[in-house]
N, C-alpha and C. Protein backbone atom coordinates (compact mmCIF):
# COMPACT_ATOMS: atom_id res chain seq x y z
N MET A 1 0.85 -1.18 0.00
CA MET A 1 0.00 0.00 0.00
C MET A 1 0.89 1.24 0.00
N VAL A 2 0.59 2.17 -0.87
CA VAL A 2 1.31 3.43 -0.98
C VAL A 2 0.42 4.53 -0.42
N THR A 3 0.97 5.30 0.51
CA THR A 3 0.26 6.45 1.06
C THR A 3 1.00 7.71 0.65
N ALA A 4 0.25 8.69 0.19
CA ALA A 4 0.84 9.97 -0.20
C ALA A 4 -0.01 11.10 0.34
N ILE A 5 0.64 12.21 0.56
CA ILE A 5 -0.03 13.44 0.97
C ILE A 5 0.17 14.42 -0.18
N ILE A 6 -0.92 14.94 -0.68
CA ILE A 6 -0.83 15.88 -1.80
C ILE A 6 -1.32 17.24 -1.34
N LEU A 7 -0.44 18.23 -1.47
CA LEU A 7 -0.78 19.62 -1.17
C LEU A 7 -1.27 20.23 -2.46
N LEU A 8 -2.41 20.90 -2.39
CA LEU A 8 -3.03 21.42 -3.62
C LEU A 8 -3.24 22.93 -3.55
N GLY A 9 -2.70 23.62 -4.53
CA GLY A 9 -3.00 25.02 -4.73
C GLY A 9 -4.23 25.10 -5.62
N VAL A 10 -5.29 25.73 -5.11
CA VAL A 10 -6.58 25.73 -5.80
C VAL A 10 -7.09 27.16 -5.91
N GLU A 11 -7.74 27.47 -7.03
CA GLU A 11 -8.39 28.78 -7.18
C GLU A 11 -9.37 28.96 -6.02
N ARG A 12 -9.35 30.11 -5.40
CA ARG A 12 -10.17 30.34 -4.20
C ARG A 12 -11.65 30.08 -4.42
N GLN A 13 -12.17 30.46 -5.58
CA GLN A 13 -13.60 30.28 -5.84
C GLN A 13 -13.97 28.81 -6.02
N LYS A 14 -12.99 27.95 -6.21
CA LYS A 14 -13.27 26.55 -6.53
C LYS A 14 -12.86 25.59 -5.42
N ILE A 15 -12.47 26.10 -4.26
CA ILE A 15 -11.99 25.24 -3.18
C ILE A 15 -13.03 24.19 -2.80
N LYS A 16 -14.25 24.62 -2.56
CA LYS A 16 -15.29 23.68 -2.13
C LYS A 16 -15.60 22.64 -3.20
N SER A 17 -15.76 23.06 -4.43
CA SER A 17 -16.11 22.11 -5.49
C SER A 17 -14.98 21.12 -5.75
N VAL A 18 -13.73 21.60 -5.70
CA VAL A 18 -12.59 20.70 -5.90
C VAL A 18 -12.50 19.71 -4.73
N ALA A 19 -12.67 20.21 -3.51
CA ALA A 19 -12.61 19.33 -2.33
C ALA A 19 -13.68 18.24 -2.41
N GLU A 20 -14.88 18.60 -2.78
CA GLU A 20 -15.97 17.62 -2.88
C GLU A 20 -15.70 16.61 -3.99
N LEU A 21 -15.18 17.06 -5.11
CA LEU A 21 -14.84 16.16 -6.21
C LEU A 21 -13.76 15.17 -5.77
N LEU A 22 -12.71 15.67 -5.13
CA LEU A 22 -11.62 14.81 -4.69
C LEU A 22 -12.09 13.82 -3.63
N ALA A 23 -12.90 14.27 -2.71
CA ALA A 23 -13.39 13.40 -1.63
C ALA A 23 -14.22 12.24 -2.18
N GLY A 24 -14.76 12.39 -3.37
CA GLY A 24 -15.54 11.33 -3.98
C GLY A 24 -14.71 10.27 -4.71
N GLN A 25 -13.40 10.49 -4.81
CA GLN A 25 -12.52 9.54 -5.49
C GLN A 25 -12.16 8.39 -4.53
N SER A 26 -12.21 7.17 -5.00
CA SER A 26 -11.95 6.02 -4.14
C SER A 26 -10.52 5.99 -3.59
N GLU A 27 -9.57 6.54 -4.33
CA GLU A 27 -8.17 6.53 -3.89
C GLU A 27 -7.87 7.59 -2.82
N ILE A 28 -8.77 8.52 -2.66
CA ILE A 28 -8.54 9.64 -1.74
C ILE A 28 -9.35 9.40 -0.47
N SER A 29 -8.65 9.19 0.65
CA SER A 29 -9.36 8.87 1.88
C SER A 29 -9.85 10.10 2.62
N GLU A 30 -9.12 11.20 2.52
CA GLU A 30 -9.52 12.42 3.22
C GLU A 30 -9.06 13.64 2.44
N VAL A 31 -9.82 14.70 2.55
CA VAL A 31 -9.45 15.99 1.97
C VAL A 31 -9.66 17.03 3.07
N PHE A 32 -8.64 17.84 3.30
CA PHE A 32 -8.70 18.88 4.33
C PHE A 32 -8.57 20.26 3.69
N SER A 33 -9.38 21.19 4.11
CA SER A 33 -9.19 22.60 3.79
C SER A 33 -8.24 23.14 4.85
N VAL A 34 -7.17 23.80 4.42
CA VAL A 34 -6.13 24.20 5.36
C VAL A 34 -5.73 25.66 5.17
N SER A 35 -5.02 26.18 6.16
CA SER A 35 -4.45 27.52 6.04
C SER A 35 -3.00 27.37 5.59
N GLY A 36 -2.42 28.44 5.13
CA GLY A 36 -1.03 28.40 4.71
C GLY A 36 -0.87 28.59 3.22
N ASN A 37 0.17 27.99 2.67
CA ASN A 37 0.51 28.18 1.26
C ASN A 37 -0.37 27.38 0.31
N TYR A 38 -1.12 26.43 0.82
CA TYR A 38 -2.00 25.59 0.00
C TYR A 38 -3.42 25.71 0.52
N GLU A 39 -4.37 25.41 -0.34
CA GLU A 39 -5.78 25.49 0.05
C GLU A 39 -6.33 24.14 0.52
N LEU A 40 -5.84 23.05 -0.07
CA LEU A 40 -6.33 21.71 0.27
C LEU A 40 -5.18 20.74 0.48
N VAL A 41 -5.42 19.75 1.32
CA VAL A 41 -4.50 18.63 1.50
C VAL A 41 -5.31 17.35 1.31
N ALA A 42 -4.81 16.45 0.46
CA ALA A 42 -5.49 15.18 0.22
C ALA A 42 -4.60 14.03 0.67
N ILE A 43 -5.22 13.07 1.35
CA ILE A 43 -4.52 11.86 1.78
C ILE A 43 -4.89 10.75 0.79
N ILE A 44 -3.87 10.18 0.17
CA ILE A 44 -4.06 9.20 -0.89
C ILE A 44 -3.59 7.84 -0.41
N ARG A 45 -4.38 6.81 -0.71
CA ARG A 45 -3.97 5.44 -0.42
C ARG A 45 -4.25 4.59 -1.67
N VAL A 46 -3.18 4.10 -2.28
CA VAL A 46 -3.30 3.29 -3.50
C VAL A 46 -2.41 2.06 -3.36
N LYS A 47 -2.59 1.11 -4.26
CA LYS A 47 -1.82 -0.13 -4.19
C LYS A 47 -0.38 0.02 -4.65
N THR A 48 -0.15 0.79 -5.70
CA THR A 48 1.20 0.86 -6.29
C THR A 48 1.58 2.30 -6.61
N ASN A 49 2.87 2.49 -6.84
CA ASN A 49 3.36 3.80 -7.28
C ASN A 49 2.77 4.18 -8.63
N ASP A 50 2.55 3.19 -9.49
CA ASP A 50 1.93 3.47 -10.79
C ASP A 50 0.52 4.00 -10.61
N ASP A 51 -0.22 3.45 -9.65
CA ASP A 51 -1.57 3.96 -9.37
C ASP A 51 -1.51 5.41 -8.91
N LEU A 52 -0.52 5.73 -8.09
CA LEU A 52 -0.34 7.12 -7.64
C LEU A 52 0.00 8.02 -8.82
N ALA A 53 0.90 7.57 -9.67
CA ALA A 53 1.28 8.36 -10.85
C ALA A 53 0.08 8.62 -11.74
N ASN A 54 -0.75 7.60 -11.94
CA ASN A 54 -1.94 7.77 -12.77
C ASN A 54 -2.92 8.76 -12.14
N LEU A 55 -3.09 8.67 -10.83
CA LEU A 55 -3.99 9.59 -10.15
C LEU A 55 -3.52 11.04 -10.32
N VAL A 56 -2.24 11.27 -10.09
CA VAL A 56 -1.71 12.64 -10.15
C VAL A 56 -1.67 13.17 -11.58
N THR A 57 -1.16 12.36 -12.50
CA THR A 57 -0.95 12.88 -13.86
C THR A 57 -2.19 12.79 -14.74
N ASP A 58 -3.09 11.86 -14.46
CA ASP A 58 -4.30 11.74 -15.28
C ASP A 58 -5.50 12.43 -14.64
N LYS A 59 -5.83 12.03 -13.43
CA LYS A 59 -7.06 12.56 -12.81
C LYS A 59 -6.88 13.98 -12.29
N LEU A 60 -5.89 14.20 -11.42
CA LEU A 60 -5.75 15.53 -10.81
C LEU A 60 -5.37 16.59 -11.82
N ALA A 61 -4.59 16.23 -12.81
CA ALA A 61 -4.16 17.21 -13.82
C ALA A 61 -5.35 17.75 -14.61
N ASN A 62 -6.44 17.01 -14.64
CA ASN A 62 -7.61 17.43 -15.41
C ASN A 62 -8.72 18.07 -14.57
N VAL A 63 -8.47 18.27 -13.28
CA VAL A 63 -9.49 18.89 -12.42
C VAL A 63 -9.39 20.40 -12.56
N GLU A 64 -10.47 21.00 -13.01
CA GLU A 64 -10.49 22.46 -13.18
C GLU A 64 -10.44 23.13 -11.81
N GLY A 65 -9.53 24.07 -11.68
CA GLY A 65 -9.39 24.80 -10.43
C GLY A 65 -8.11 24.48 -9.68
N ILE A 66 -7.51 23.31 -9.96
CA ILE A 66 -6.24 22.98 -9.33
C ILE A 66 -5.14 23.69 -10.12
N GLU A 67 -4.41 24.54 -9.43
CA GLU A 67 -3.35 25.32 -10.08
C GLU A 67 -1.99 24.65 -9.99
N HIS A 68 -1.69 24.02 -8.86
CA HIS A 68 -0.42 23.30 -8.70
C HIS A 68 -0.55 22.33 -7.53
N THR A 69 0.35 21.33 -7.54
CA THR A 69 0.35 20.33 -6.47
C THR A 69 1.77 20.05 -6.02
N GLU A 70 1.87 19.52 -4.83
CA GLU A 70 3.13 19.00 -4.32
C GLU A 70 2.80 17.67 -3.65
N THR A 71 3.46 16.61 -4.10
CA THR A 71 3.16 15.27 -3.62
C THR A 71 4.28 14.78 -2.72
N MET A 72 3.91 14.28 -1.56
CA MET A 72 4.87 13.71 -0.61
C MET A 72 4.50 12.26 -0.37
N LEU A 73 5.48 11.36 -0.47
CA LEU A 73 5.26 9.95 -0.19
C LEU A 73 5.49 9.69 1.30
N ALA A 74 4.62 8.91 1.89
CA ALA A 74 4.78 8.53 3.29
C ALA A 74 5.60 7.26 3.37
N PHE A 75 6.64 7.25 4.19
CA PHE A 75 7.46 6.06 4.37
C PHE A 75 6.87 5.15 5.45
N ARG A 76 6.52 5.73 6.59
CA ARG A 76 5.94 4.99 7.70
C ARG A 76 4.80 5.79 8.28
N THR A 77 3.89 5.08 8.92
CA THR A 77 2.77 5.73 9.59
C THR A 77 2.92 5.58 11.09
N TYR A 78 2.83 6.69 11.79
CA TYR A 78 2.83 6.69 13.25
C TYR A 78 1.55 7.37 13.69
N SER A 79 0.73 6.64 14.38
CA SER A 79 -0.50 7.26 14.89
C SER A 79 -0.59 6.99 16.37
N ARG A 80 -1.44 7.74 17.04
CA ARG A 80 -1.61 7.54 18.48
C ARG A 80 -2.07 6.12 18.74
N HIS A 81 -2.94 5.60 17.88
CA HIS A 81 -3.42 4.23 18.04
C HIS A 81 -2.25 3.25 18.00
N ASP A 82 -1.34 3.41 17.04
CA ASP A 82 -0.19 2.51 16.92
C ASP A 82 0.72 2.61 18.14
N LEU A 83 0.95 3.83 18.61
CA LEU A 83 1.83 4.02 19.77
C LEU A 83 1.22 3.45 21.04
N GLU A 84 -0.09 3.61 21.23
CA GLU A 84 -0.74 3.06 22.40
C GLU A 84 -0.64 1.53 22.41
N ALA A 85 -0.83 0.91 21.25
CA ALA A 85 -0.72 -0.55 21.17
C ALA A 85 0.70 -1.02 21.46
N MET A 86 1.68 -0.27 21.00
CA MET A 86 3.07 -0.64 21.19
C MET A 86 3.48 -0.57 22.66
N PHE A 87 2.94 0.41 23.40
CA PHE A 87 3.35 0.62 24.77
C PHE A 87 2.41 0.03 25.80
N SER A 88 1.32 -0.60 25.37
CA SER A 88 0.40 -1.20 26.34
C SER A 88 0.85 -2.64 26.60
N VAL A 89 1.54 -2.83 27.68
CA VAL A 89 2.07 -4.14 28.03
C VAL A 89 1.08 -4.85 28.95
N GLY A 90 0.55 -5.98 28.50
CA GLY A 90 -0.31 -6.81 29.33
C GLY A 90 -1.66 -6.21 29.68
N GLN A 91 -2.14 -5.27 28.91
CA GLN A 91 -3.46 -4.69 29.21
C GLN A 91 -4.48 -5.17 28.25
């Protein structure tokens, strides 16, 4: 499983429509509206790097309103749930 975080620069008038469109994609588990240099952040979970490449270069490239993206690959996942399980001895 490949997990990626995609930062999206989006036209201000289209933030809501782009977020809703992205949230409807099966490969995209979450979309966040954020402050800072980007308008949206999408969490991607796909089977292979090729699936990620297709999503970014085929699907996202054709979404009206997306001006630019920055894609980050996740190497490992650390969540509170994982840490609690790791440190709960005999409970």
